[in-house]
């Protein structure tokens, strides 16, 4: 129950920050300070939300995703070039085949009409 209250407060804080961004436009004409204030409010709201169970799960998921990304093996420049050339050649061949089939079908329909 307390987690729901904290999440609700964080959402209200963000909504109030967005509203304040537009309300203080005349008093603070510099957009830099208004954006900076909004980012601070969003940071505080994120900190509050991170203390909830759902926030903890989100942080754990993010850490696991980063660990999985570190395990990723990216292809070398040579492998990327070879794969790209294979795809380009395959697309060109399929394009010619489809062009030939289309031409034959066009000729057949034109002959029948």
PDB file of N, CA and C in Angstrom:
ATOM      1  N   UNK A   1       0.817  -1.189   0.000  1.00  0.00           N
ATOM      2  CA  UNK A   1       0.000   0.000   0.000  1.00  0.00           C
ATOM      3  C   UNK A   1       0.863   1.256   0.000  1.00  0.00           C
ATOM      4  N   UNK A   2       1.937   1.231   0.813  1.00  0.00           N
ATOM      5  CA  UNK A   2       2.828   2.384   0.874  1.00  0.00           C
ATOM      6  C   UNK A   2       3.533   2.606  -0.464  1.00  0.00           C
ATOM      7  N   UNK A   3       3.837   1.475  -1.173  1.00  0.00           N
ATOM      8  CA  UNK A   3       4.467   1.587  -2.487  1.00  0.00           C
ATOM      9  C   UNK A   3       3.548   2.301  -3.477  1.00  0.00           C
ATOM     10  N   UNK A   4       2.264   2.000  -3.406  1.00  0.00           N
ATOM     11  CA  UNK A   4       1.312   2.658  -4.314  1.00  0.00           C
ATOM     12  C   UNK A   4       1.243   4.153  -4.025  1.00  0.00           C
ATOM     13  N   UNK A   5       1.301   4.510  -2.757  1.00  0.00           N
ATOM     14  CA  UNK A   5       1.292   5.930  -2.404  1.00  0.00           C
ATOM     15  C   UNK A   5       2.550   6.630  -2.916  1.00  0.00           C
ATOM     16  N   UNK A   6       3.693   5.964  -2.796  1.00  0.00           N
ATOM     17  CA  UNK A   6       4.930   6.566  -3.290  1.00  0.00           C
ATOM     18  C   UNK A   6       4.899   6.723  -4.809  1.00  0.00           C
ATOM     19  N   UNK A   7       4.392   5.703  -5.516  1.00  0.00           N
ATOM     20  CA  UNK A   7       4.279   5.813  -6.970  1.00  0.00           C
ATOM     21  C   UNK A   7       3.312   6.920  -7.364  1.00  0.00           C
ATOM     22  N   UNK A   8       2.191   6.997  -6.667  1.00  0.00           N
ATOM     23  CA  UNK A   8       1.227   8.064  -6.943  1.00  0.00           C
ATOM     24  C   UNK A   8       1.832   9.439  -6.700  1.00  0.00           C
ATOM     25  N   UNK A   9       2.591   9.570  -5.605  1.00  0.00           N
ATOM     26  CA  UNK A   9       3.239  10.846  -5.307  1.00  0.00           C
ATOM     27  C   UNK A   9       4.260  11.199  -6.387  1.00  0.00           C
ATOM     28  N   UNK A  10       5.002  10.200  -6.869  1.00  0.00           N
ATOM     29  CA  UNK A  10       5.991  10.443  -7.920  1.00  0.00           C
ATOM     30  C   UNK A  10       5.307  10.901  -9.204  1.00  0.00           C
ATOM     31  N   UNK A  11       4.183  10.291  -9.534  1.00  0.00           N
ATOM     32  CA  UNK A  11       3.440  10.687 -10.743  1.00  0.00           C
ATOM     33  C   UNK A  11       2.896  12.100 -10.583  1.00  0.00           C
ATOM     34  N   UNK A  12       2.345  12.396  -9.419  1.00  0.00           N
ATOM     35  CA  UNK A  12       1.850  13.756  -9.169  1.00  0.00           C
ATOM     36  C   UNK A  12       2.988  14.779  -9.209  1.00  0.00           C
ATOM     37  N   UNK A  13       4.146  14.400  -8.713  1.00  0.00           N
ATOM     38  CA  UNK A  13       5.299  15.300  -8.737  1.00  0.00           C
ATOM     39  C   UNK A  13       5.710  15.623 -10.172  1.00  0.00           C
ATOM     40  N   UNK A  14       5.721  14.612 -11.029  1.00  0.00           N
ATOM     41  CA  UNK A  14       6.066  14.843 -12.438  1.00  0.00           C
ATOM     42  C   UNK A  14       5.004  15.719 -13.099  1.00  0.00           C
ATOM     43  N   UNK A  15       3.730  15.438 -12.823  1.00  0.00           N
ATOM     44  CA  UNK A  15       2.654  16.250 -13.394  1.00  0.00           C
ATOM     45  C   UNK A  15       2.764  17.697 -12.926  1.00  0.00           C
ATOM     46  N   UNK A  16       3.073  17.893 -11.641  1.00  0.00           N
ATOM     47  CA  UNK A  16       3.235  19.254 -11.112  1.00  0.00           C
ATOM     48  C   UNK A  16       4.437  19.935 -11.747  1.00  0.00           C
ATOM     49  N   UNK A  17       5.509  19.191 -11.996  1.00  0.00           N
ATOM     50  CA  UNK A  17       6.688  19.755 -12.649  1.00  0.00           C
ATOM     51  C   UNK A  17       6.394  20.198 -14.072  1.00  0.00           C
ATOM     52  N   UNK A  18       5.625  19.389 -14.791  1.00  0.00           N
ATOM     53  CA  UNK A  18       5.249  19.756 -16.161  1.00  0.00           C
ATOM     54  C   UNK A  18       4.353  20.984 -16.155  1.00  0.00           C
ATOM     55  N   UNK A  19       3.395  21.014 -15.230  1.00  0.00           N
ATOM     56  CA  UNK A  19       2.517  22.180 -15.127  1.00  0.00           C
ATOM     57  C   UNK A  19       3.318  23.431 -14.768  1.00  0.00           C
ATOM     58  N   UNK A  20       4.246  23.300 -13.832  1.00  0.00           N
ATOM     59  CA  UNK A  20       5.063  24.445 -13.424  1.00  0.00           C
ATOM     60  C   UNK A  20       5.940  24.925 -14.567  1.00  0.00           C
ATOM     61  N   UNK A  21       6.376  24.013 -15.422  1.00  0.00           N
ATOM     62  CA  UNK A  21       7.196  24.380 -16.576  1.00  0.00           C
ATOM     63  C   UNK A  21       6.479  25.420 -17.432  1.00  0.00           C
ATOM     64  N   UNK A  22       5.165  25.231 -17.608  1.00  0.00           N
ATOM     65  CA  UNK A  22       4.402  26.163 -18.438  1.00  0.00           C
ATOM     66  C   UNK A  22       3.886  27.370 -17.652  1.00  0.00           C
ATOM     67  N   UNK A  23       3.600  27.165 -16.368  1.00  0.00           N
ATOM     68  CA  UNK A  23       3.032  28.261 -15.567  1.00  0.00           C
ATOM     69  C   UNK A  23       4.065  29.361 -15.326  1.00  0.00           C
ATOM     70  N   UNK A  24       5.307  29.003 -15.072  1.00  0.00           N
ATOM     71  CA  UNK A  24       6.327  30.007 -14.751  1.00  0.00           C
ATOM     72  C   UNK A  24       7.020  30.563 -15.996  1.00  0.00           C
ATOM     73  N   UNK A  25       6.430  30.354 -17.149  1.00  0.00           N
ATOM     74  CA  UNK A  25       7.033  30.806 -18.400  1.00  0.00           C
ATOM     75  C   UNK A  25       7.260  32.317 -18.419  1.00  0.00           C
ATOM     76  N   UNK A  26       6.313  33.072 -17.859  1.00  0.00           N
ATOM     77  CA  UNK A  26       6.443  34.534 -17.849  1.00  0.00           C
ATOM     78  C   UNK A  26       7.457  34.999 -16.805  1.00  0.00           C
ATOM     79  N   UNK A  27       7.508  34.323 -15.650  1.00  0.00           N
ATOM     80  CA  UNK A  27       8.434  34.718 -14.595  1.00  0.00           C
ATOM     81  C   UNK A  27       9.878  34.309 -14.911  1.00  0.00           C
ATOM     82  N   UNK A  28      10.043  33.141 -15.564  1.00  0.00           N
ATOM     83  CA  UNK A  28      11.373  32.641 -15.915  1.00  0.00           C
ATOM     84  C   UNK A  28      11.410  32.447 -17.433  1.00  0.00           C
ATOM     85  N   UNK A  29      11.755  33.479 -18.188  1.00  0.00           N
ATOM     86  CA  UNK A  29      11.702  33.359 -19.646  1.00  0.00           C
ATOM     87  C   UNK A  29      12.779  32.446 -20.233  1.00  0.00           C
ATOM     88  N   UNK A  30      13.857  32.193 -19.485  1.00  0.00           N
ATOM     89  CA  UNK A  30      14.926  31.333 -19.999  1.00  0.00           C
ATOM     90  C   UNK A  30      14.480  29.872 -19.960  1.00  0.00           C
ATOM     91  N   UNK A  31      14.446  29.252 -21.121  1.00  0.00           N
ATOM     92  CA  UNK A  31      14.016  27.851 -21.193  1.00  0.00           C
ATOM     93  C   UNK A  31      15.041  26.933 -20.521  1.00  0.00           C
ATOM     94  N   UNK A  32      16.300  27.345 -20.492  1.00  0.00           N
ATOM     95  CA  UNK A  32      17.340  26.531 -19.862  1.00  0.00           C
ATOM     96  C   UNK A  32      16.995  26.245 -18.408  1.00  0.00           C
ATOM     97  N   UNK A  33      16.619  27.280 -17.652  1.00  0.00           N
ATOM     98  CA  UNK A  33      16.320  27.094 -16.225  1.00  0.00           C
ATOM     99  C   UNK A  33      15.025  26.312 -16.023  1.00  0.00           C
ATOM    100  N   UNK A  34      14.071  26.513 -16.913  1.00  0.00           N
ATOM    101  CA  UNK A  34      12.819  25.758 -16.774  1.00  0.00           C
ATOM    102  C   UNK A  34      13.048  24.281 -17.062  1.00  0.00           C
ATOM    103  N   UNK A  35      13.838  23.967 -18.090  1.00  0.00           N
ATOM    104  CA  UNK A  35      14.148  22.568 -18.400  1.00  0.00           C
ATOM    105  C   UNK A  35      14.982  21.953 -17.286  1.00  0.00           C
ATOM    106  N   UNK A  36      15.941  22.709 -16.780  1.00  0.00           N
ATOM    107  CA  UNK A  36      16.758  22.222 -15.665  1.00  0.00           C
ATOM    108  C   UNK A  36      15.883  21.898 -14.457  1.00  0.00           C
ATOM    109  N   UNK A  37      14.936  22.779 -14.126  1.00  0.00           N
ATOM    110  CA  UNK A  37      14.018  22.521 -13.021  1.00  0.00           C
ATOM    111  C   UNK A  37      13.169  21.286 -13.255  1.00  0.00           C
ATOM    112  N   UNK A  38      12.683  21.131 -14.488  1.00  0.00           N
ATOM    113  CA  UNK A  38      11.866  19.960 -14.822  1.00  0.00           C
ATOM    114  C   UNK A  38      12.684  18.682 -14.703  1.00  0.00           C
ATOM    115  N   UNK A  39      13.934  18.716 -15.138  1.00  0.00           N
ATOM    116  CA  UNK A  39      14.786  17.537 -15.023  1.00  0.00           C
ATOM    117  C   UNK A  39      15.064  17.182 -13.564  1.00  0.00           C
ATOM    118  N   UNK A  40      15.231  18.189 -12.728  1.00  0.00           N
ATOM    119  CA  UNK A  40      15.434  17.939 -11.293  1.00  0.00           C
ATOM    120  C   UNK A  40      14.196  17.282 -10.694  1.00  0.00           C
ATOM    121  N   UNK A  41      13.015  17.799 -11.050  1.00  0.00           N
ATOM    122  CA  UNK A  41      11.764  17.228 -10.529  1.00  0.00           C
ATOM    123  C   UNK A  41      11.610  15.787 -11.002  1.00  0.00           C
ATOM    124  N   UNK A  42      11.914  15.524 -12.268  1.00  0.00           N
ATOM    125  CA  UNK A  42      11.815  14.158 -12.786  1.00  0.00           C
ATOM    126  C   UNK A  42      12.833  13.253 -12.095  1.00  0.00           C
ATOM    127  N   UNK A  43      14.023  13.769 -11.817  1.00  0.00           N
ATOM    128  CA  UNK A  43      15.027  12.986 -11.097  1.00  0.00           C
ATOM    129  C   UNK A  43      14.582  12.624  -9.693  1.00  0.00           C
ATOM    130  N   UNK A  44      14.000  13.599  -8.983  1.00  0.00           N
ATOM    131  CA  UNK A  44      13.502  13.338  -7.630  1.00  0.00           C
ATOM    132  C   UNK A  44      12.364  12.318  -7.678  1.00  0.00           C
ATOM    133  N   UNK A  45      11.452  12.478  -8.637  1.00  0.00           N
ATOM    134  CA  UNK A  45      10.335  11.535  -8.771  1.00  0.00           C
ATOM    135  C   UNK A  45      10.847  10.136  -9.108  1.00  0.00           C
ATOM    136  N   UNK A  46      11.875  10.059  -9.957  1.00  0.00           N
ATOM    137  CA  UNK A  46      12.454   8.755 -10.295  1.00  0.00           C
ATOM    138  C   UNK A  46      13.106   8.120  -9.068  1.00  0.00           C
ATOM    139  N   UNK A  47      13.761   8.944  -8.265  1.00  0.00           N
ATOM    140  CA  UNK A  47      14.361   8.431  -7.039  1.00  0.00           C
ATOM    141  C   UNK A  47      13.319   7.887  -6.080  1.00  0.00           C
ATOM    142  N   UNK A  48      12.206   8.588  -5.961  1.00  0.00           N
ATOM    143  CA  UNK A  48      11.117   8.114  -5.105  1.00  0.00           C
ATOM    144  C   UNK A  48      10.541   6.817  -5.649  1.00  0.00           C
ATOM    145  N   UNK A  49      10.320   6.773  -6.968  1.00  0.00           N
ATOM    146  CA  UNK A  49       9.747   5.573  -7.580  1.00  0.00           C
ATOM    147  C   UNK A  49      10.711   4.392  -7.484  1.00  0.00           C
ATOM    148  N   UNK A  50      12.013   4.658  -7.488  1.00  0.00           N
ATOM    149  CA  UNK A  50      12.994   3.575  -7.422  1.00  0.00           C
ATOM    150  C   UNK A  50      12.992   2.885  -6.064  1.00  0.00           C
ATOM    151  N   UNK A  51      12.474   3.542  -5.033  1.00  0.00           N
ATOM    152  CA  UNK A  51      12.452   2.931  -3.704  1.00  0.00           C
ATOM    153  C   UNK A  51      11.285   1.965  -3.522  1.00  0.00           C
ATOM    154  N   UNK A  52      10.406   1.872  -4.519  1.00  0.00           N
ATOM    155  CA  UNK A  52       9.279   0.942  -4.422  1.00  0.00           C
ATOM    156  C   UNK A  52       9.707  -0.436  -4.912  1.00  0.00           C
ATOM    157  N   UNK A  53       8.859  -1.431  -4.681  1.00  0.00           N
ATOM    158  CA  UNK A  53       9.162  -2.789  -5.130  1.00  0.00           C
ATOM    159  C   UNK A  53       9.221  -2.843  -6.651  1.00  0.00           C
ATOM    160  N   UNK A  54       8.270  -2.174  -7.302  1.00  0.00           N
ATOM    161  CA  UNK A  54       8.247  -2.138  -8.765  1.00  0.00           C
ATOM    162  C   UNK A  54       9.500  -1.445  -9.308  1.00  0.00           C
ATOM    163  N   UNK A  55       9.916  -0.376  -8.658  1.00  0.00           N
ATOM    164  CA  UNK A  55      11.137   0.315  -9.056  1.00  0.00           C
ATOM    165  C   UNK A  55      12.366  -0.558  -8.896  1.00  0.00           C
ATOM    166  N   UNK A  56      12.411  -1.330  -7.810  1.00  0.00           N
ATOM    167  CA  UNK A  56      13.520  -2.255  -7.597  1.00  0.00           C
ATOM    168  C   UNK A  56      13.575  -3.321  -8.677  1.00  0.00           C
ATOM    169  N   UNK A  57      12.401  -3.827  -9.070  1.00  0.00           N
ATOM    170  CA  UNK A  57      12.349  -4.815 -10.143  1.00  0.00           C
ATOM    171  C   UNK A  57      12.818  -4.210 -11.461  1.00  0.00           C
ATOM    172  N   UNK A  58      12.441  -2.964 -11.720  1.00  0.00           N
ATOM    173  CA  UNK A  58      12.859  -2.291 -12.943  1.00  0.00           C
ATOM    174  C   UNK A  58      14.376  -2.090 -12.961  1.00  0.00           C
ATOM    175  N   UNK A  59      14.940  -1.715 -11.837  1.00  0.00           N
ATOM    176  CA  UNK A  59      16.391  -1.535 -11.752  1.00  0.00           C
ATOM    177  C   UNK A  59      17.107  -2.871 -11.943  1.00  0.00           C
ATOM    178  N   UNK A  60      16.592  -3.938 -11.337  1.00  0.00           N
ATOM    179  CA  UNK A  60      17.198  -5.268 -11.499  1.00  0.00           C
ATOM    180  C   UNK A  60      17.118  -5.721 -12.953  1.00  0.00           C
ATOM    181  N   UNK A  61      15.982  -5.459 -13.603  1.00  0.00           N
ATOM    182  CA  UNK A  61      15.830  -5.819 -15.011  1.00  0.00           C
ATOM    183  C   UNK A  61      16.814  -5.037 -15.879  1.00  0.00           C
ATOM    184  N   UNK A  62      16.979  -3.748 -15.583  1.00  0.00           N
ATOM    185  CA  UNK A  62      17.907  -2.915 -16.352  1.00  0.00           C
ATOM    186  C   UNK A  62      19.338  -3.413 -16.204  1.00  0.00           C
ATOM    187  N   UNK A  63      19.715  -3.773 -14.996  1.00  0.00           N
ATOM    188  CA  UNK A  63      21.068  -4.292 -14.772  1.00  0.00           C
ATOM    189  C   UNK A  63      21.287  -5.608 -15.520  1.00  0.00           C
ATOM    190  N   UNK A  64      20.267  -6.476 -15.511  1.00  0.00           N
ATOM    191  CA  UNK A  64      20.374  -7.747 -16.237  1.00  0.00           C
ATOM    192  C   UNK A  64      20.485  -7.503 -17.744  1.00  0.00           C
ATOM    193  N   UNK A  65      19.742  -6.509 -18.256  1.00  0.00           N
ATOM    194  CA  UNK A  65      19.815  -6.191 -19.681  1.00  0.00           C
ATOM    195  C   UNK A  65      21.197  -5.677 -20.057  1.00  0.00           C
ATOM    196  N   UNK A  66      21.793  -4.863 -19.192  1.00  0.00           N
ATOM    197  CA  UNK A  66      23.147  -4.354 -19.453  1.00  0.00           C
ATOM    198  C   UNK A  66      24.148  -5.509 -19.453  1.00  0.00           C
ATOM    199  N   UNK A  67      23.998  -6.446 -18.528  1.00  0.00           N
ATOM    200  CA  UNK A  67      24.900  -7.596 -18.480  1.00  0.00           C
ATOM    201  C   UNK A  67      24.779  -8.434 -19.752  1.00  0.00           C
ATOM    202  N   UNK A  68      23.564  -8.606 -20.261  1.00  0.00           N
ATOM    203  CA  UNK A  68      23.368  -9.365 -21.496  1.00  0.00           C
ATOM    204  C   UNK A  68      23.981  -8.636 -22.693  1.00  0.00           C
ATOM    205  N   UNK A  69      23.875  -7.313 -22.698  1.00  0.00           N
ATOM    206  CA  UNK A  69      24.466  -6.540 -23.792  1.00  0.00           C
ATOM    207  C   UNK A  69      25.987  -6.668 -23.792  1.00  0.00           C
ATOM    208  N   UNK A  70      26.583  -6.787 -22.611  1.00  0.00           N
ATOM    209  CA  UNK A  70      28.032  -6.952 -22.533  1.00  0.00           C
ATOM    210  C   UNK A  70      28.474  -8.305 -23.084  1.00  0.00           C
ATOM    211  N   UNK A  71      27.570  -9.295 -23.068  1.00  0.00           N
ATOM    212  CA  UNK A  71      27.890 -10.619 -23.586  1.00  0.00           C
ATOM    213  C   UNK A  71      27.778 -10.685 -25.110  1.00  0.00           C
ATOM    214  N   UNK A  72      27.183  -9.685 -25.719  1.00  0.00           N
ATOM    215  CA  UNK A  72      26.966  -9.683 -27.158  1.00  0.00           C
ATOM    216  C   UNK A  72      28.289  -9.631 -27.905  1.00  0.00           C
ATOM    217  N   UNK A  73      28.410 -10.483 -28.914  1.00  0.00           N
ATOM    218  CA  UNK A  73      29.600 -10.495 -29.758  1.00  0.00           C
ATOM    219  C   UNK A  73      29.206  -9.852 -31.084  1.00  0.00           C
ATOM    220  N   UNK A  74      29.809  -8.710 -31.381  1.00  0.00           N
ATOM    221  CA  UNK A  74      29.477  -7.982 -32.600  1.00  0.00           C
ATOM    222  C   UNK A  74      30.338  -8.492 -33.744  1.00  0.00           C
ATOM    223  N   UNK A  75      29.791  -8.499 -34.968  1.00  0.00           N
ATOM    224  CA  UNK A  75      30.572  -8.977 -36.113  1.00  0.00           C
ATOM    225  C   UNK A  75      31.706  -8.006 -36.455  1.00  0.00           C
ATOM    226  N   UNK A  76      32.740  -8.565 -37.074  1.00  0.00           N
ATOM    227  CA  UNK A  76      33.848  -7.724 -37.496  1.00  0.00           C
ATOM    228  C   UNK A  76      33.451  -6.950 -38.755  1.00  0.00           C
ATOM    229  N   UNK A  77      34.296  -6.014 -39.149  1.00  0.00           N
ATOM    230  CA  UNK A  77      34.019  -5.217 -40.351  1.00  0.00           C
ATOM    231  C   UNK A  77      33.962  -6.122 -41.583  1.00  0.00           C
ATOM    232  N   UNK A  78      34.853  -7.097 -41.648  1.00  0.00           N
ATOM    233  CA  UNK A  78      34.886  -8.015 -42.793  1.00  0.00           C
ATOM    234  C   UNK A  78      33.602  -8.845 -42.861  1.00  0.00           C
ATOM    235  N   UNK A  79      33.163  -9.386 -41.718  1.00  0.00           N
ATOM    236  CA  UNK A  79      31.925 -10.180 -41.695  1.00  0.00           C
ATOM    237  C   UNK A  79      30.720  -9.329 -42.101  1.00  0.00           C
ATOM    238  N   UNK A  80      30.684  -8.091 -41.639  1.00  0.00           N
ATOM    239  CA  UNK A  80      29.581  -7.201 -41.990  1.00  0.00           C
ATOM    240  C   UNK A  80      29.566  -6.911 -43.486  1.00  0.00           C
ATOM    241  N   UNK A  81      30.731  -6.655 -44.051  1.00  0.00           N
ATOM    242  CA  UNK A  81      30.826  -6.377 -45.488  1.00  0.00           C
ATOM    243  C   UNK A  81      30.398  -7.597 -46.299  1.00  0.00           C
ATOM    244  N   UNK A  82      30.872  -8.778 -45.929  1.00  0.00           N
ATOM    245  CA  UNK A  82      30.502  -9.993 -46.658  1.00  0.00           C
ATOM    246  C   UNK A  82      29.007 -10.252 -46.591  1.00  0.00           C
ATOM    247  N   UNK A  83      28.433 -10.099 -45.416  1.00  0.00           N
ATOM    248  CA  UNK A  83      26.994 -10.324 -45.262  1.00  0.00           C
ATOM    249  C   UNK A  83      26.198  -9.316 -46.077  1.00  0.00           C
ATOM    250  N   UNK A  84      26.634  -8.062 -46.078  1.00  0.00           N
ATOM    251  CA  UNK A  84      25.943  -7.032 -46.848  1.00  0.00           C
ATOM    252  C   UNK A  84      25.993  -7.349 -48.336  1.00  0.00           C
ATOM    253  N   UNK A  85      27.155  -7.776 -48.826  1.00  0.00           N
ATOM    254  CA  UNK A  85      27.270  -8.124 -50.242  1.00  0.00           C
ATOM    255  C   UNK A  85      26.388  -9.308 -50.605  1.00  0.00           C
ATOM    256  N   UNK A  86      26.311 -10.300 -49.735  1.00  0.00           N
ATOM    257  CA  UNK A  86      25.443 -11.456 -49.992  1.00  0.00           C
ATOM    258  C   UNK A  86      23.990 -11.014 -50.090  1.00  0.00           C
ATOM    259  N   UNK A  87      23.568 -10.133 -49.196  1.00  0.00           N
ATOM    260  CA  UNK A  87      22.185  -9.641 -49.218  1.00  0.00           C
ATOM    261  C   UNK A  87      21.924  -8.839 -50.488  1.00  0.00           C
ATOM    262  N   UNK A  88      22.862  -7.981 -50.889  1.00  0.00           N
ATOM    263  CA  UNK A  88      22.678  -7.168 -52.098  1.00  0.00           C
ATOM    264  C   UNK A  88      22.564  -8.069 -53.330  1.00  0.00           C
ATOM    265  N   UNK A  89      23.428  -9.071 -53.438  1.00  0.00           N
ATOM    266  CA  UNK A  89      23.383  -9.991 -54.582  1.00  0.00           C
ATOM    267  C   UNK A  89      22.081 -10.783 -54.579  1.00  0.00           C
ATOM    268  N   UNK A  90      21.649 -11.274 -53.414  1.00  0.00           N
ATOM    269  CA  UNK A  90      20.402 -12.039 -53.337  1.00  0.00           C
ATOM    270  C   UNK A  90      19.207 -11.180 -53.733  1.00  0.00           C
ATOM    271  N   UNK A  91      19.181  -9.934 -53.289  1.00  0.00           N
ATOM    272  CA  UNK A  91      18.077  -9.034 -53.642  1.00  0.00           C
ATOM    273  C   UNK A  91      18.091  -8.738 -55.143  1.00  0.00           C
ATOM    274  N   UNK A  92      19.268  -8.552 -55.717  1.00  0.00           N
ATOM    275  CA  UNK A  92      19.357  -8.295 -57.154  1.00  0.00           C
ATOM    276  C   UNK A  92      18.866  -9.499 -57.953  1.00  0.00           C
ATOM    277  N   UNK A  93      19.267 -10.696 -57.561  1.00  0.00           N
ATOM    278  CA  UNK A  93      18.828 -11.909 -58.266  1.00  0.00           C
ATOM    279  C   UNK A  93      17.314 -12.073 -58.149  1.00  0.00           C
ATOM    280  N   UNK A  94      16.770 -11.909 -56.942  1.00  0.00           N
ATOM    281  CA  UNK A  94      15.321 -12.029 -56.775  1.00  0.00           C
ATOM    282  C   UNK A  94      14.591 -10.944 -57.546  1.00  0.00           C
ATOM    283  N   UNK A  95      15.162  -9.752 -57.605  1.00  0.00           N
ATOM    284  CA  UNK A  95      14.550  -8.677 -58.380  1.00  0.00           C
ATOM    285  C   UNK A  95      14.473  -9.032 -59.857  1.00  0.00           C
ATOM    286  N   UNK A  96      15.546  -9.610 -60.388  1.00  0.00           N
ATOM    287  CA  UNK A  96      15.541 -10.028 -61.803  1.00  0.00           C
ATOM    288  C   UNK A  96      14.532 -11.143 -62.050  1.00  0.00           C
ATOM    289  N   UNK A  97      14.445 -12.099 -61.120  1.00  0.00           N
ATOM    290  CA  UNK A  97      13.474 -13.192 -61.272  1.00  0.00           C
ATOM    291  C   UNK A  97      12.051 -12.639 -61.269  1.00  0.00           C
ATOM    292  N   UNK A  98      11.764 -11.754 -60.332  1.00  0.00           N
ATOM    293  CA  UNK A  98      10.409 -11.174 -60.264  1.00  0.00           C
ATOM    294  C   UNK A  98      10.127 -10.334 -61.504  1.00  0.00           C
ATOM    295  N   UNK A  99      11.130  -9.598 -62.002  1.00  0.00           N
ATOM    296  CA  UNK A  99      10.963  -8.815 -63.223  1.00  0.00           C
ATOM    297  C   UNK A  99      10.634  -9.727 -64.403  1.00  0.00           C
ATOM    298  N   UNK A 100      11.344 -10.854 -64.509  1.00  0.00           N
ATOM    299  CA  UNK A 100      11.095 -11.802 -65.599  1.00  0.00           C
ATOM    300  C   UNK A 100       9.683 -12.385 -65.507  1.00  0.00           C
ATOM    301  N   UNK A 101       9.287 -12.811 -64.301  1.00  0.00           N
ATOM    302  CA  UNK A 101       7.935 -13.372 -64.124  1.00  0.00           C
ATOM    303  C   UNK A 101       6.880 -12.315 -64.441  1.00  0.00           C
ATOM    304  N   UNK A 102       7.092 -11.094 -63.995  1.00  0.00           N
ATOM    305  CA  UNK A 102       6.149 -10.012 -64.260  1.00  0.00           C
ATOM    306  C   UNK A 102       6.049  -9.733 -65.756  1.00  0.00           C
ATOM    307  N   UNK A 103       7.177  -9.752 -66.446  1.00  0.00           N
ATOM    308  CA  UNK A 103       7.170  -9.502 -67.891  1.00  0.00           C
ATOM    309  C   UNK A 103       6.414 -10.593 -68.633  1.00  0.00           C
ATOM    310  N   UNK A 104       6.625 -11.848 -68.228  1.00  0.00           N
ATOM    311  CA  UNK A 104       5.922 -12.962 -68.864  1.00  0.00           C
ATOM    312  C   UNK A 104       4.424 -12.852 -68.607  1.00  0.00           C
ATOM    313  N   UNK A 105       4.041 -12.546 -67.357  1.00  0.00           N
ATOM    314  CA  UNK A 105       2.614 -12.413 -67.043  1.00  0.00           C
ATOM    315  C   UNK A 105       1.997 -11.221 -67.787  1.00  0.00           C
ATOM    316  N   UNK A 106       2.727 -10.128 -67.919  1.00  0.00           N
ATOM    317  CA  UNK A 106       2.235  -8.968 -68.652  1.00  0.00           C
ATOM    318  C   UNK A 106       2.006  -9.321 -70.118  1.00  0.00           C
ATOM    319  N   UNK A 107       2.979 -10.049 -70.688  1.00  0.00           N
ATOM    320  CA  UNK A 107       2.839 -10.467 -72.072  1.00  0.00           C
ATOM    321  C   UNK A 107       1.645 -11.391 -72.249  1.00  0.00           C
ATOM    322  N   UNK A 108       1.434 -12.319 -71.295  1.00  0.00           N
ATOM    323  CA  UNK A 108       0.328 -13.272 -71.378  1.00  0.00           C
ATOM    324  C   UNK A 108      -1.011 -12.557 -71.290  1.00  0.00           C
ATOM    325  N   UNK A 109      -1.138 -11.604 -70.349  1.00  0.00           N
ATOM    326  CA  UNK A 109      -2.393 -10.870 -70.189  1.00  0.00           C
ATOM    327  C   UNK A 109      -2.650  -9.989 -71.414  1.00  0.00           C
ATOM    328  N   UNK A 110      -1.604  -9.360 -71.933  1.00  0.00           N
ATOM    329  CA  UNK A 110      -1.748  -8.497 -73.121  1.00  0.00           C
ATOM    330  C   UNK A 110      -2.173  -9.340 -74.320  1.00  0.00           C
ATOM    331  N   UNK A 111      -1.618 -10.531 -74.451  1.00  0.00           N
ATOM    332  CA  UNK A 111      -1.980 -11.406 -75.561  1.00  0.00           C
ATOM    333  C   UNK A 111      -3.429 -11.859 -75.474  1.00  0.00           C
ATOM    334  N   UNK A 112      -3.890 -12.143 -74.246  1.00  0.00           N
ATOM    335  CA  UNK A 112      -5.267 -12.607 -74.081  1.00  0.00           C
ATOM    336  C   UNK A 112      -6.267 -11.479 -74.329  1.00  0.00           C
ATOM    337  N   UNK A 113      -5.902 -10.252 -73.977  1.00  0.00           N
ATOM    338  CA  UNK A 113      -6.814  -9.129 -74.173  1.00  0.00           C
ATOM    339  C   UNK A 113      -6.740  -8.631 -75.591  1.00  0.00           C
TER     340      UNK A 113
END
